[in-house]
Amino acid sequence: MPSDDRVALGLELLAHLEHPELSVKEAMDRIETVTTDPQVQREILEAAEREGVVERDGGTIHPTRTGTYVSFERDVVVKTGEFDCRRCGAGISEGHFVTFDNDELGPFGSTCIRKVLGRD
C-alpha cells in the first residue's frame, strides 16, 4: 500500500476515535494497525494535526471531530476465513473489517476491533 494511502487511512481512523482524549502512545497503538513503518506513522500523526483531525497537547491527543464514530452495524463487516489480526497477530477465523470512505482496515478479532475503535 503506498504511503499516501496509509496516511489517508490513518487519518480516517483518527477522525473516528471515540475517546475525548488519548495518550500519544494509545493513538500510536491505533496507527500501528494501519502501518508499522515509523516514518509513515509520523506522517499520519503530523497530517492529523495539520489538517485539524486532532489537537496535540504534549503527550495527549484530542480528536476535534465528534459524532463521526464507527457504527458496528453499518461500518464493520465480518468475513469468514483464515486471517491474522492486524492488532495482536492472533490467527482468527472471523475477521472484522472497518469500512471507511476510501478504504477498509482489518482484519481484527472481536476483542481487538473494540480496542482499536475505543469501545473497550
PDB file of N, CA and C in Angstrom:
ATOM      1  N   MET A   1       0.864  -1.172   0.000  1.00  0.00           N
ATOM      2  CA  MET A   1       0.000   0.000   0.000  1.00  0.00           C
ATOM      3  C   MET A   1       0.910   1.234   0.000  1.00  0.00           C
ATOM      4  N   PRO A   2       0.732   2.144  -0.965  1.00  0.00           N
ATOM      5  CA  PRO A   2       1.550   3.361  -0.995  1.00  0.00           C
ATOM      6  C   PRO A   2       1.366   4.189   0.276  1.00  0.00           C
ATOM      7  N   SER A   3       2.416   4.955   0.597  1.00  0.00           N
ATOM      8  CA  SER A   3       2.412   5.784   1.804  1.00  0.00           C
ATOM      9  C   SER A   3       1.192   6.695   1.866  1.00  0.00           C
ATOM     10  N   ASP A   4       0.818   7.317   0.731  1.00  0.00           N
ATOM     11  CA  ASP A   4      -0.327   8.234   0.700  1.00  0.00           C
ATOM     12  C   ASP A   4      -1.612   7.530   1.127  1.00  0.00           C
ATOM     13  N   ASP A   5      -1.794   6.279   0.672  1.00  0.00           N
ATOM     14  CA  ASP A   5      -2.992   5.517   1.037  1.00  0.00           C
ATOM     15  C   ASP A   5      -3.013   5.216   2.534  1.00  0.00           C
ATOM     16  N   ARG A   6      -1.842   4.879   3.082  1.00  0.00           N
ATOM     17  CA  ARG A   6      -1.775   4.576   4.511  1.00  0.00           C
ATOM     18  C   ARG A   6      -2.019   5.836   5.339  1.00  0.00           C
ATOM     19  N   VAL A   7      -1.529   6.966   4.885  1.00  0.00           N
ATOM     20  CA  VAL A   7      -1.766   8.222   5.600  1.00  0.00           C
ATOM     21  C   VAL A   7      -3.258   8.545   5.575  1.00  0.00           C
ATOM     22  N   ALA A   8      -3.889   8.413   4.419  1.00  0.00           N
ATOM     23  CA  ALA A   8      -5.327   8.693   4.309  1.00  0.00           C
ATOM     24  C   ALA A   8      -6.131   7.761   5.210  1.00  0.00           C
ATOM     25  N   LEU A   9      -5.762   6.485   5.244  1.00  0.00           N
ATOM     26  CA  LEU A   9      -6.462   5.520   6.078  1.00  0.00           C
ATOM     27  C   LEU A   9      -6.238   5.831   7.568  1.00  0.00           C
ATOM     28  N   GLY A  10      -5.019   6.204   7.927  1.00  0.00           N
ATOM     29  CA  GLY A  10      -4.729   6.587   9.309  1.00  0.00           C
ATOM     30  C   GLY A  10      -5.509   7.819   9.741  1.00  0.00           C
ATOM     31  N   LEU A  11      -5.650   8.783   8.829  1.00  0.00           N
ATOM     32  CA  LEU A  11      -6.431   9.982   9.133  1.00  0.00           C
ATOM     33  C   LEU A  11      -7.892   9.620   9.373  1.00  0.00           C
ATOM     34  N   GLU A  12      -8.429   8.730   8.550  1.00  0.00           N
ATOM     35  CA  GLU A  12      -9.825   8.315   8.749  1.00  0.00           C
ATOM     36  C   GLU A  12      -9.997   7.616  10.096  1.00  0.00           C
ATOM     37  N   LEU A  13      -9.039   6.760  10.451  1.00  0.00           N
ATOM     38  CA  LEU A  13      -9.120   6.076  11.737  1.00  0.00           C
ATOM     39  C   LEU A  13      -9.103   7.082  12.879  1.00  0.00           C
ATOM     40  N   LEU A  14      -8.172   8.039  12.854  1.00  0.00           N
ATOM     41  CA  LEU A  14      -8.097   9.041  13.914  1.00  0.00           C
ATOM     42  C   LEU A  14      -9.338   9.933  13.945  1.00  0.00           C
ATOM     43  N   ALA A  15      -9.927  10.187  12.805  1.00  0.00           N
ATOM     44  CA  ALA A  15     -11.133  11.020  12.744  1.00  0.00           C
ATOM     45  C   ALA A  15     -12.338  10.329  13.378  1.00  0.00           C
ATOM     46  N   HIS A  16     -12.265   9.012  13.526  1.00  0.00           N
ATOM     47  CA  HIS A  16     -13.381   8.249  14.081  1.00  0.00           C
ATOM     48  C   HIS A  16     -13.147   7.777  15.512  1.00  0.00           C
ATOM     49  N   LEU A  17     -12.140   8.324  16.181  1.00  0.00           N
ATOM     50  CA  LEU A  17     -11.871   7.931  17.567  1.00  0.00           C
ATOM     51  C   LEU A  17     -13.038   8.316  18.467  1.00  0.00           C
ATOM     52  N   GLU A  18     -13.340   7.462  19.432  1.00  0.00           N
ATOM     53  CA  GLU A  18     -14.462   7.718  20.326  1.00  0.00           C
ATOM     54  C   GLU A  18     -14.061   8.323  21.661  1.00  0.00           C
ATOM     55  N   HIS A  19     -12.780   8.337  21.964  1.00  0.00           N
ATOM     56  CA  HIS A  19     -12.325   8.903  23.228  1.00  0.00           C
ATOM     57  C   HIS A  19     -12.160  10.412  23.111  1.00  0.00           C
ATOM     58  N   PRO A  20     -12.501  11.156  24.156  1.00  0.00           N
ATOM     59  CA  PRO A  20     -12.288  12.605  24.116  1.00  0.00           C
ATOM     60  C   PRO A  20     -10.804  12.951  24.132  1.00  0.00           C
ATOM     61  N   GLU A  21      -9.982  12.017  24.629  1.00  0.00           N
ATOM     62  CA  GLU A  21      -8.538  12.202  24.590  1.00  0.00           C
ATOM     63  C   GLU A  21      -7.859  10.855  24.702  1.00  0.00           C
ATOM     64  N   LEU A  22      -6.680  10.788  24.109  1.00  0.00           N
ATOM     65  CA  LEU A  22      -5.834   9.597  24.174  1.00  0.00           C
ATOM     66  C   LEU A  22      -4.405  10.050  24.396  1.00  0.00           C
ATOM     67  N   SER A  23      -3.616   9.196  25.023  1.00  0.00           N
ATOM     68  CA  SER A  23      -2.192   9.484  25.078  1.00  0.00           C
ATOM     69  C   SER A  23      -1.631   9.264  23.669  1.00  0.00           C
ATOM     70  N   VAL A  24      -0.496   9.870  23.395  1.00  0.00           N
ATOM     71  CA  VAL A  24       0.143   9.648  22.100  1.00  0.00           C
ATOM     72  C   VAL A  24       0.433   8.163  21.923  1.00  0.00           C
ATOM     73  N   LYS A  25       0.804   7.489  23.012  1.00  0.00           N
ATOM     74  CA  LYS A  25       1.061   6.045  22.954  1.00  0.00           C
ATOM     75  C   LYS A  25      -0.198   5.286  22.524  1.00  0.00           C
ATOM     76  N   GLU A  26      -1.348   5.634  23.098  1.00  0.00           N
ATOM     77  CA  GLU A  26      -2.607   4.971  22.718  1.00  0.00           C
ATOM     78  C   GLU A  26      -2.973   5.274  21.266  1.00  0.00           C
ATOM     79  N   ALA A  27      -2.739   6.495  20.835  1.00  0.00           N
ATOM     80  CA  ALA A  27      -3.005   6.853  19.438  1.00  0.00           C
ATOM     81  C   ALA A  27      -2.086   6.060  18.514  1.00  0.00           C
ATOM     82  N   MET A  28      -0.825   5.914  18.913  1.00  0.00           N
ATOM     83  CA  MET A  28       0.120   5.153  18.093  1.00  0.00           C
ATOM     84  C   MET A  28      -0.277   3.679  18.028  1.00  0.00           C
ATOM     85  N   ASP A  29      -0.853   3.146  19.099  1.00  0.00           N
ATOM     86  CA  ASP A  29      -1.335   1.765  19.093  1.00  0.00           C
ATOM     87  C   ASP A  29      -2.368   1.586  17.982  1.00  0.00           C
ATOM     88  N   ARG A  30      -3.220   2.572  17.802  1.00  0.00           N
ATOM     89  CA  ARG A  30      -4.219   2.508  16.733  1.00  0.00           C
ATOM     90  C   ARG A  30      -3.581   2.713  15.364  1.00  0.00           C
ATOM     91  N   ILE A  31      -2.662   3.661  15.265  1.00  0.00           N
ATOM     92  CA  ILE A  31      -1.986   3.930  13.991  1.00  0.00           C
ATOM     93  C   ILE A  31      -1.192   2.707  13.524  1.00  0.00           C
ATOM     94  N   GLU A  32      -0.647   1.941  14.472  1.00  0.00           N
ATOM     95  CA  GLU A  32       0.108   0.732  14.120  1.00  0.00           C
ATOM     96  C   GLU A  32      -0.755  -0.301  13.416  1.00  0.00           C
ATOM     97  N   THR A  33      -2.074  -0.211  13.528  1.00  0.00           N
ATOM     98  CA  THR A  33      -2.936  -1.138  12.785  1.00  0.00           C
ATOM     99  C   THR A  33      -2.978  -0.782  11.314  1.00  0.00           C
ATOM    100  N   VAL A  34      -2.570   0.441  10.978  1.00  0.00           N
ATOM    101  CA  VAL A  34      -2.510   0.872   9.579  1.00  0.00           C
ATOM    102  C   VAL A  34      -1.131   0.565   8.998  1.00  0.00           C
ATOM    103  N   THR A  35      -0.077   0.860   9.770  1.00  0.00           N
ATOM    104  CA  THR A  35       1.285   0.641   9.303  1.00  0.00           C
ATOM    105  C   THR A  35       2.232   0.519  10.489  1.00  0.00           C
ATOM    106  N   THR A  36       3.256  -0.291  10.305  1.00  0.00           N
ATOM    107  CA  THR A  36       4.302  -0.402  11.315  1.00  0.00           C
ATOM    108  C   THR A  36       5.533   0.408  10.919  1.00  0.00           C
ATOM    109  N   ASP A  37       5.479   1.095   9.799  1.00  0.00           N
ATOM    110  CA  ASP A  37       6.582   1.930   9.324  1.00  0.00           C
ATOM    111  C   ASP A  37       6.617   3.221  10.143  1.00  0.00           C
ATOM    112  N   PRO A  38       7.674   3.429  10.963  1.00  0.00           N
ATOM    113  CA  PRO A  38       7.728   4.606  11.831  1.00  0.00           C
ATOM    114  C   PRO A  38       7.626   5.934  11.072  1.00  0.00           C
ATOM    115  N   GLN A  39       8.183   6.010   9.873  1.00  0.00           N
ATOM    116  CA  GLN A  39       8.103   7.249   9.099  1.00  0.00           C
ATOM    117  C   GLN A  39       6.663   7.547   8.692  1.00  0.00           C
ATOM    118  N   VAL A  40       5.933   6.541   8.263  1.00  0.00           N
ATOM    119  CA  VAL A  40       4.541   6.736   7.860  1.00  0.00           C
ATOM    120  C   VAL A  40       3.677   7.020   9.092  1.00  0.00           C
ATOM    121  N   GLN A  41       3.994   6.396  10.219  1.00  0.00           N
ATOM    122  CA  GLN A  41       3.267   6.681  11.460  1.00  0.00           C
ATOM    123  C   GLN A  41       3.401   8.161  11.821  1.00  0.00           C
ATOM    124  N   ARG A  42       4.615   8.692  11.724  1.00  0.00           N
ATOM    125  CA  ARG A  42       4.837  10.120  11.997  1.00  0.00           C
ATOM    126  C   ARG A  42       4.067  10.986  11.002  1.00  0.00           C
ATOM    127  N   GLU A  43       4.084  10.564   9.718  1.00  0.00           N
ATOM    128  CA  GLU A  43       3.334  11.305   8.692  1.00  0.00           C
ATOM    129  C   GLU A  43       1.852  11.367   9.044  1.00  0.00           C
ATOM    130  N   ILE A  44       1.292  10.258   9.513  1.00  0.00           N
ATOM    131  CA  ILE A  44      -0.126  10.200   9.873  1.00  0.00           C
ATOM    132  C   ILE A  44      -0.416  11.170  11.009  1.00  0.00           C
ATOM    133  N   LEU A  45       0.392  11.108  12.058  1.00  0.00           N
ATOM    134  CA  LEU A  45       0.165  11.969  13.219  1.00  0.00           C
ATOM    135  C   LEU A  45       0.350  13.444  12.858  1.00  0.00           C
ATOM    136  N   GLU A  46       1.382  13.757  12.082  1.00  0.00           N
ATOM    137  CA  GLU A  46       1.619  15.147  11.665  1.00  0.00           C
ATOM    138  C   GLU A  46       0.492  15.642  10.758  1.00  0.00           C
ATOM    139  N   ALA A  47       0.040  14.806   9.827  1.00  0.00           N
ATOM    140  CA  ALA A  47      -1.054  15.195   8.928  1.00  0.00           C
ATOM    141  C   ALA A  47      -2.347  15.395   9.709  1.00  0.00           C
ATOM    142  N   ALA A  48      -2.578  14.547  10.723  1.00  0.00           N
ATOM    143  CA  ALA A  48      -3.789  14.675  11.545  1.00  0.00           C
ATOM    144  C   ALA A  48      -3.794  16.011  12.287  1.00  0.00           C
ATOM    145  N   GLU A  49      -2.640  16.427  12.783  1.00  0.00           N
ATOM    146  CA  GLU A  49      -2.552  17.729  13.457  1.00  0.00           C
ATOM    147  C   GLU A  49      -2.716  18.870  12.450  1.00  0.00           C
ATOM    148  N   ARG A  50      -2.013  18.770  11.342  1.00  0.00           N
ATOM    149  CA  ARG A  50      -2.031  19.819  10.314  1.00  0.00           C
ATOM    150  C   ARG A  50      -3.432  20.027   9.738  1.00  0.00           C
ATOM    151  N   GLU A  51      -4.164  18.937   9.553  1.00  0.00           N
ATOM    152  CA  GLU A  51      -5.487  19.003   8.933  1.00  0.00           C
ATOM    153  C   GLU A  51      -6.608  19.173   9.959  1.00  0.00           C
ATOM    154  N   GLY A  52      -6.249  19.314  11.221  1.00  0.00           N
ATOM    155  CA  GLY A  52      -7.257  19.575  12.244  1.00  0.00           C
ATOM    156  C   GLY A  52      -8.076  18.373  12.669  1.00  0.00           C
ATOM    157  N   VAL A  53      -7.588  17.175  12.389  1.00  0.00           N
ATOM    158  CA  VAL A  53      -8.288  15.960  12.805  1.00  0.00           C
ATOM    159  C   VAL A  53      -8.118  15.759  14.306  1.00  0.00           C
ATOM    160  N   VAL A  54      -6.927  16.088  14.806  1.00  0.00           N
ATOM    161  CA  VAL A  54      -6.637  16.015  16.238  1.00  0.00           C
ATOM    162  C   VAL A  54      -5.859  17.258  16.644  1.00  0.00           C
ATOM    163  N   GLU A  55      -5.920  17.557  17.926  1.00  0.00           N
ATOM    164  CA  GLU A  55      -5.055  18.567  18.519  1.00  0.00           C
ATOM    165  C   GLU A  55      -4.149  17.831  19.485  1.00  0.00           C
ATOM    166  N   ARG A  56      -2.907  18.230  19.504  1.00  0.00           N
ATOM    167  CA  ARG A  56      -1.941  17.568  20.389  1.00  0.00           C
ATOM    168  C   ARG A  56      -1.517  18.539  21.473  1.00  0.00           C
ATOM    169  N   ASP A  57      -1.597  18.067  22.705  1.00  0.00           N
ATOM    170  CA  ASP A  57      -1.187  18.862  23.855  1.00  0.00           C
ATOM    171  C   ASP A  57      -0.151  18.042  24.606  1.00  0.00           C
ATOM    172  N   GLY A  58       1.116  18.244  24.275  1.00  0.00           N
ATOM    173  CA  GLY A  58       2.179  17.445  24.881  1.00  0.00           C
ATOM    174  C   GLY A  58       2.020  15.985  24.509  1.00  0.00           C
ATOM    175  N   GLY A  59       1.775  15.146  25.501  1.00  0.00           N
ATOM    176  CA  GLY A  59       1.631  13.714  25.266  1.00  0.00           C
ATOM    177  C   GLY A  59       0.198  13.255  25.117  1.00  0.00           C
ATOM    178  N   THR A  60      -0.715  14.196  24.853  1.00  0.00           N
ATOM    179  CA  THR A  60      -2.138  13.861  24.742  1.00  0.00           C
ATOM    180  C   THR A  60      -2.689  14.290  23.390  1.00  0.00           C
ATOM    181  N   ILE A  61      -3.544  13.453  22.834  1.00  0.00           N
ATOM    182  CA  ILE A  61      -4.220  13.716  21.564  1.00  0.00           C
ATOM    183  C   ILE A  61      -5.698  13.962  21.862  1.00  0.00           C
ATOM    184  N   HIS A  62      -6.258  15.018  21.277  1.00  0.00           N
ATOM    185  CA  HIS A  62      -7.684  15.324  21.417  1.00  0.00           C
ATOM    186  C   HIS A  62      -8.316  15.321  20.023  1.00  0.00           C
ATOM    187  N   PRO A  63      -9.169  14.332  19.714  1.00  0.00           N
ATOM    188  CA  PRO A  63      -9.877  14.370  18.438  1.00  0.00           C
ATOM    189  C   PRO A  63     -10.742  15.629  18.361  1.00  0.00           C
ATOM    190  N   THR A  64     -10.775  16.284  17.215  1.00  0.00           N
ATOM    191  CA  THR A  64     -11.531  17.526  17.077  1.00  0.00           C
ATOM    192  C   THR A  64     -12.901  17.309  16.460  1.00  0.00           C
ATOM    193  N   ARG A  65     -13.096  16.174  15.837  1.00  0.00           N
ATOM    194  CA  ARG A  65     -14.392  15.893  15.208  1.00  0.00           C
ATOM    195  C   ARG A  65     -15.153  14.928  16.089  1.00  0.00           C
ATOM    196  N   THR A  66     -16.332  15.317  16.494  1.00  0.00           N
ATOM    197  CA  THR A  66     -17.128  14.432  17.338  1.00  0.00           C
ATOM    198  C   THR A  66     -18.355  13.968  16.565  1.00  0.00           C
ATOM    199  N   GLY A  67     -18.866  12.822  16.956  1.00  0.00           N
ATOM    200  CA  GLY A  67     -20.073  12.301  16.324  1.00  0.00           C
ATOM    201  C   GLY A  67     -19.829  11.541  15.039  1.00  0.00           C
ATOM    202  N   THR A  68     -18.553  11.272  14.697  1.00  0.00           N
ATOM    203  CA  THR A  68     -18.251  10.526  13.473  1.00  0.00           C
ATOM    204  C   THR A  68     -17.777   9.125  13.812  1.00  0.00           C
ATOM    205  N   TYR A  69     -18.354   8.549  14.848  1.00  0.00           N
ATOM    206  CA  TYR A  69     -17.916   7.250  15.318  1.00  0.00           C
ATOM    207  C   TYR A  69     -18.300   6.149  14.335  1.00  0.00           C
ATOM    208  N   VAL A  70     -17.551   5.060  14.420  1.00  0.00           N
ATOM    209  CA  VAL A  70     -17.826   3.891  13.598  1.00  0.00           C
ATOM    210  C   VAL A  70     -19.033   3.159  14.180  1.00  0.00           C
ATOM    211  N   SER A  71     -19.977   2.830  13.335  1.00  0.00           N
ATOM    212  CA  SER A  71     -21.141   2.043  13.724  1.00  0.00           C
ATOM    213  C   SER A  71     -20.848   0.576  13.426  1.00  0.00           C
ATOM    214  N   PHE A  72     -20.955  -0.274  14.450  1.00  0.00           N
ATOM    215  CA  PHE A  72     -20.699  -1.693  14.223  1.00  0.00           C
ATOM    216  C   PHE A  72     -21.686  -2.281  13.217  1.00  0.00           C
ATOM    217  N   GLU A  73     -22.915  -1.816  13.232  1.00  0.00           N
ATOM    218  CA  GLU A  73     -23.931  -2.350  12.333  1.00  0.00           C
ATOM    219  C   GLU A  73     -23.700  -1.893  10.889  1.00  0.00           C
ATOM    220  N   ARG A  74     -23.253  -0.665  10.702  1.00  0.00           N
ATOM    221  CA  ARG A  74     -23.135  -0.087   9.364  1.00  0.00           C
ATOM    222  C   ARG A  74     -21.715  -0.156   8.804  1.00  0.00           C
ATOM    223  N   ASP A  75     -20.700   0.048   9.660  1.00  0.00           N
ATOM    224  CA  ASP A  75     -19.341   0.252   9.172  1.00  0.00           C
ATOM    225  C   ASP A  75     -18.384  -0.914   9.398  1.00  0.00           C
ATOM    226  N   VAL A  76     -18.811  -1.958  10.092  1.00  0.00           N
ATOM    227  CA  VAL A  76     -17.938  -3.105  10.339  1.00  0.00           C
ATOM    228  C   VAL A  76     -18.516  -4.326   9.625  1.00  0.00           C
ATOM    229  N   VAL A  77     -17.675  -4.931   8.798  1.00  0.00           N
ATOM    230  CA  VAL A  77     -18.059  -6.121   8.045  1.00  0.00           C
ATOM    231  C   VAL A  77     -17.299  -7.310   8.622  1.00  0.00           C
ATOM    232  N   VAL A  78     -17.997  -8.421   8.852  1.00  0.00           N
ATOM    233  CA  VAL A  78     -17.370  -9.632   9.356  1.00  0.00           C
ATOM    234  C   VAL A  78     -17.251 -10.615   8.194  1.00  0.00           C
ATOM    235  N   LYS A  79     -16.033 -11.102   7.990  1.00  0.00           N
ATOM    236  CA  LYS A  79     -15.768 -12.077   6.927  1.00  0.00           C
ATOM    237  C   LYS A  79     -15.210 -13.343   7.553  1.00  0.00           C
ATOM    238  N   THR A  80     -15.610 -14.479   7.007  1.00  0.00           N
ATOM    239  CA  THR A  80     -15.122 -15.766   7.481  1.00  0.00           C
ATOM    240  C   THR A  80     -13.968 -16.210   6.599  1.00  0.00           C
ATOM    241  N   GLY A  81     -12.935 -16.737   7.246  1.00  0.00           N
ATOM    242  CA  GLY A  81     -11.761 -17.207   6.515  1.00  0.00           C
ATOM    243  C   GLY A  81     -10.599 -17.414   7.468  1.00  0.00           C
ATOM    244  N   GLU A  82      -9.409 -17.493   6.913  1.00  0.00           N
ATOM    245  CA  GLU A  82      -8.181 -17.637   7.698  1.00  0.00           C
ATOM    246  C   GLU A  82      -7.487 -16.285   7.711  1.00  0.00           C
ATOM    247  N   PHE A  83      -7.464 -15.631   8.866  1.00  0.00           N
ATOM    248  CA  PHE A  83      -6.880 -14.295   8.983  1.00  0.00           C
ATOM    249  C   PHE A  83      -5.921 -14.234  10.158  1.00  0.00           C
ATOM    250  N   ASP A  84      -5.059 -13.228  10.129  1.00  0.00           N
ATOM    251  CA  ASP A  84      -4.240 -12.856  11.277  1.00  0.00           C
ATOM    252  C   ASP A  84      -4.686 -11.456  11.685  1.00  0.00           C
ATOM    253  N   CYS A  85      -4.996 -11.281  12.962  1.00  0.00           N
ATOM    254  CA  CYS A  85      -5.450  -9.987  13.465  1.00  0.00           C
ATOM    255  C   CYS A  85      -4.351  -8.944  13.265  1.00  0.00           C
ATOM    256  N   ARG A  86      -4.721  -7.788  12.702  1.00  0.00           N
ATOM    257  CA  ARG A  86      -3.760  -6.711  12.458  1.00  0.00           C
ATOM    258  C   ARG A  86      -3.249  -6.077  13.737  1.00  0.00           C
ATOM    259  N   ARG A  87      -3.965  -6.250  14.824  1.00  0.00           N
ATOM    260  CA  ARG A  87      -3.536  -5.624  16.078  1.00  0.00           C
ATOM    261  C   ARG A  87      -2.663  -6.557  16.901  1.00  0.00           C
ATOM    262  N   CYS A  88      -3.119  -7.791  17.126  1.00  0.00           N
ATOM    263  CA  CYS A  88      -2.391  -8.681  18.032  1.00  0.00           C
ATOM    264  C   CYS A  88      -1.682  -9.834  17.328  1.00  0.00           C
ATOM    265  N   GLY A  89      -2.013 -10.064  16.054  1.00  0.00           N
ATOM    266  CA  GLY A  89      -1.348 -11.117  15.298  1.00  0.00           C
ATOM    267  C   GLY A  89      -1.939 -12.504  15.465  1.00  0.00           C
ATOM    268  N   ALA A  90      -2.963 -12.668  16.287  1.00  0.00           N
ATOM    269  CA  ALA A  90      -3.575 -13.981  16.513  1.00  0.00           C
ATOM    270  C   ALA A  90      -4.267 -14.478  15.249  1.00  0.00           C
ATOM    271  N   GLY A  91      -4.248 -15.791  15.069  1.00  0.00           N
ATOM    272  CA  GLY A  91      -4.991 -16.397  13.976  1.00  0.00           C
ATOM    273  C   GLY A  91      -6.474 -16.366  14.305  1.00  0.00           C
ATOM    274  N   ILE A  92      -7.287 -15.925  13.372  1.00  0.00           N
ATOM    275  CA  ILE A  92      -8.732 -15.816  13.597  1.00  0.00           C
ATOM    276  C   ILE A  92      -9.477 -16.371  12.393  1.00  0.00           C
ATOM    277  N   SER A  93     -10.672 -16.880  12.644  1.00  0.00           N
ATOM    278  CA  SER A  93     -11.489 -17.410  11.553  1.00  0.00           C
ATOM    279  C   SER A  93     -12.586 -16.439  11.139  1.00  0.00           C
ATOM    280  N   GLU A  94     -12.824 -15.432  11.980  1.00  0.00           N
ATOM    281  CA  GLU A  94     -13.755 -14.352  11.628  1.00  0.00           C
ATOM    282  C   GLU A  94     -12.997 -13.036  11.725  1.00  0.00           C
ATOM    283  N   GLY A  95     -12.847 -12.380  10.588  1.00  0.00           N
ATOM    284  CA  GLY A  95     -12.151 -11.101  10.559  1.00  0.00           C
ATOM    285  C   GLY A  95     -13.142  -9.956  10.525  1.00  0.00           C
ATOM    286  N   HIS A  96     -12.944  -8.990  11.403  1.00  0.00           N
ATOM    287  CA  HIS A  96     -13.772  -7.786  11.442  1.00  0.00           C
ATOM    288  C   HIS A  96     -13.025  -6.690  10.682  1.00  0.00           C
ATOM    289  N   PHE A  97     -13.670  -6.113   9.693  1.00  0.00           N
ATOM    290  CA  PHE A  97     -13.083  -5.077   8.850  1.00  0.00           C
ATOM    291  C   PHE A  97     -13.884  -3.793   8.997  1.00  0.00           C
ATOM    292  N   VAL A  98     -13.191  -2.677   9.232  1.00  0.00           N
ATOM    293  CA  VAL A  98     -13.846  -1.380   9.322  1.00  0.00           C
ATOM    294  C   VAL A  98     -13.854  -0.782   7.918  1.00  0.00           C
ATOM    295  N   THR A  99     -15.018  -0.404   7.446  1.00  0.00           N
ATOM    296  CA  THR A  99     -15.158   0.202   6.137  1.00  0.00           C
ATOM    297  C   THR A  99     -15.225   1.712   6.286  1.00  0.00           C
ATOM    298  N   PHE A 100     -14.195   2.388   5.774  1.00  0.00           N
ATOM    299  CA  PHE A 100     -14.160   3.846   5.760  1.00  0.00           C
ATOM    300  C   PHE A 100     -14.524   4.314   4.363  1.00  0.00           C
ATOM    301  N   ASP A 101     -14.623   5.611   4.156  1.00  0.00           N
ATOM    302  CA  ASP A 101     -14.997   6.152   2.851  1.00  0.00           C
ATOM    303  C   ASP A 101     -14.050   5.702   1.740  1.00  0.00           C
ATOM    304  N   ASN A 102     -12.744   5.696   2.031  1.00  0.00           N
ATOM    305  CA  ASN A 102     -11.765   5.439   0.978  1.00  0.00           C
ATOM    306  C   ASN A 102     -11.130   4.067   1.007  1.00  0.00           C
ATOM    307  N   ASP A 103     -11.292   3.325   2.084  1.00  0.00           N
ATOM    308  CA  ASP A 103     -10.585   2.054   2.198  1.00  0.00           C
ATOM    309  C   ASP A 103     -11.191   1.217   3.312  1.00  0.00           C
ATOM    310  N   GLU A 104     -10.599   0.064   3.516  1.00  0.00           N
ATOM    311  CA  GLU A 104     -11.032  -0.873   4.539  1.00  0.00           C
ATOM    312  C   GLU A 104      -9.834  -1.167   5.437  1.00  0.00           C
ATOM    313  N   LEU A 105     -10.065  -1.295   6.746  1.00  0.00           N
ATOM    314  CA  LEU A 105      -8.993  -1.583   7.692  1.00  0.00           C
ATOM    315  C   LEU A 105      -9.332  -2.863   8.434  1.00  0.00           C
ATOM    316  N   GLY A 106      -8.414  -3.796   8.450  1.00  0.00           N
ATOM    317  CA  GLY A 106      -8.618  -5.062   9.129  1.00  0.00           C
ATOM    318  C   GLY A 106      -7.705  -6.101   8.533  1.00  0.00           C
ATOM    319  N   PRO A 107      -7.856  -7.307   8.908  1.00  0.00           N
ATOM    320  CA  PRO A 107      -8.860  -7.872   9.816  1.00  0.00           C
ATOM    321  C   PRO A 107      -8.455  -7.726  11.280  1.00  0.00           C
ATOM    322  N   PHE A 108      -9.466  -7.714  12.128  1.00  0.00           N
ATOM    323  CA  PHE A 108      -9.280  -7.697  13.570  1.00  0.00           C
ATOM    324  C   PHE A 108     -10.141  -8.783  14.181  1.00  0.00           C
ATOM    325  N   GLY A 109      -9.709  -9.306  15.322  1.00  0.00           N
ATOM    326  CA  GLY A 109     -10.541 -10.212  16.097  1.00  0.00           C
ATOM    327  C   GLY A 109     -11.622  -9.417  16.805  1.00  0.00           C
ATOM    328  N   SER A 110     -12.577 -10.115  17.385  1.00  0.00           N
ATOM    329  CA  SER A 110     -13.720  -9.435  18.010  1.00  0.00           C
ATOM    330  C   SER A 110     -13.315  -8.549  19.190  1.00  0.00           C
ATOM    331  N   THR A 111     -12.283  -8.919  19.921  1.00  0.00           N
ATOM    332  CA  THR A 111     -11.821  -8.090  21.032  1.00  0.00           C
ATOM    333  C   THR A 111     -10.997  -6.910  20.523  1.00  0.00           C
ATOM    334  N   CYS A 112     -10.104  -7.176  19.591  1.00  0.00           N
ATOM    335  CA  CYS A 112      -9.218  -6.116  19.090  1.00  0.00           C
ATOM    336  C   CYS A 112      -9.980  -5.041  18.329  1.00  0.00           C
ATOM    337  N   ILE A 113     -11.025  -5.381  17.603  1.00  0.00           N
ATOM    338  CA  ILE A 113     -11.787  -4.361  16.882  1.00  0.00           C
ATOM    339  C   ILE A 113     -12.371  -3.359  17.878  1.00  0.00           C
ATOM    340  N   ARG A 114     -12.808  -3.862  19.018  1.00  0.00           N
ATOM    341  CA  ARG A 114     -13.368  -2.974  20.046  1.00  0.00           C
ATOM    342  C   ARG A 114     -12.289  -2.070  20.630  1.00  0.00           C
ATOM    343  N   LYS A 115     -11.082  -2.583  20.814  1.00  0.00           N
ATOM    344  CA  LYS A 115      -9.985  -1.780  21.346  1.00  0.00           C
ATOM    345  C   LYS A 115      -9.533  -0.722  20.344  1.00  0.00           C
ATOM    346  N   VAL A 116      -9.416  -1.108  19.089  1.00  0.00           N
ATOM    347  CA  VAL A 116      -8.984  -0.176  18.056  1.00  0.00           C
ATOM    348  C   VAL A 116      -9.964   0.983  17.931  1.00  0.00           C
ATOM    349  N   LEU A 117     -11.244   0.684  18.033  1.00  0.00           N
ATOM    350  CA  LEU A 117     -12.271   1.707  17.883  1.00  0.00           C
ATOM    351  C   LEU A 117     -12.585   2.444  19.179  1.00  0.00           C
ATOM    352  N   GLY A 118     -11.979   2.013  20.288  1.00  0.00           N
ATOM    353  CA  GLY A 118     -12.167   2.706  21.557  1.00  0.00           C
ATOM    354  C   GLY A 118     -13.416   2.300  22.299  1.00  0.00           C
ATOM    355  N   ARG A 119     -13.892   1.102  22.048  1.00  0.00           N
ATOM    356  CA  ARG A 119     -15.094   0.628  22.747  1.00  0.00           C
ATOM    357  C   ARG A 119     -14.753  -0.068  24.045  1.00  0.00           C
ATOM    358  N   ASP A 120     -13.499  -0.430  24.232  1.00  0.00           N
ATOM    359  CA  ASP A 120     -13.049  -1.070  25.481  1.00  0.00           C
ATOM    360  C   ASP A 120     -11.893  -0.295  26.056  1.00  0.00           C
TER     361      ASP A 120
END
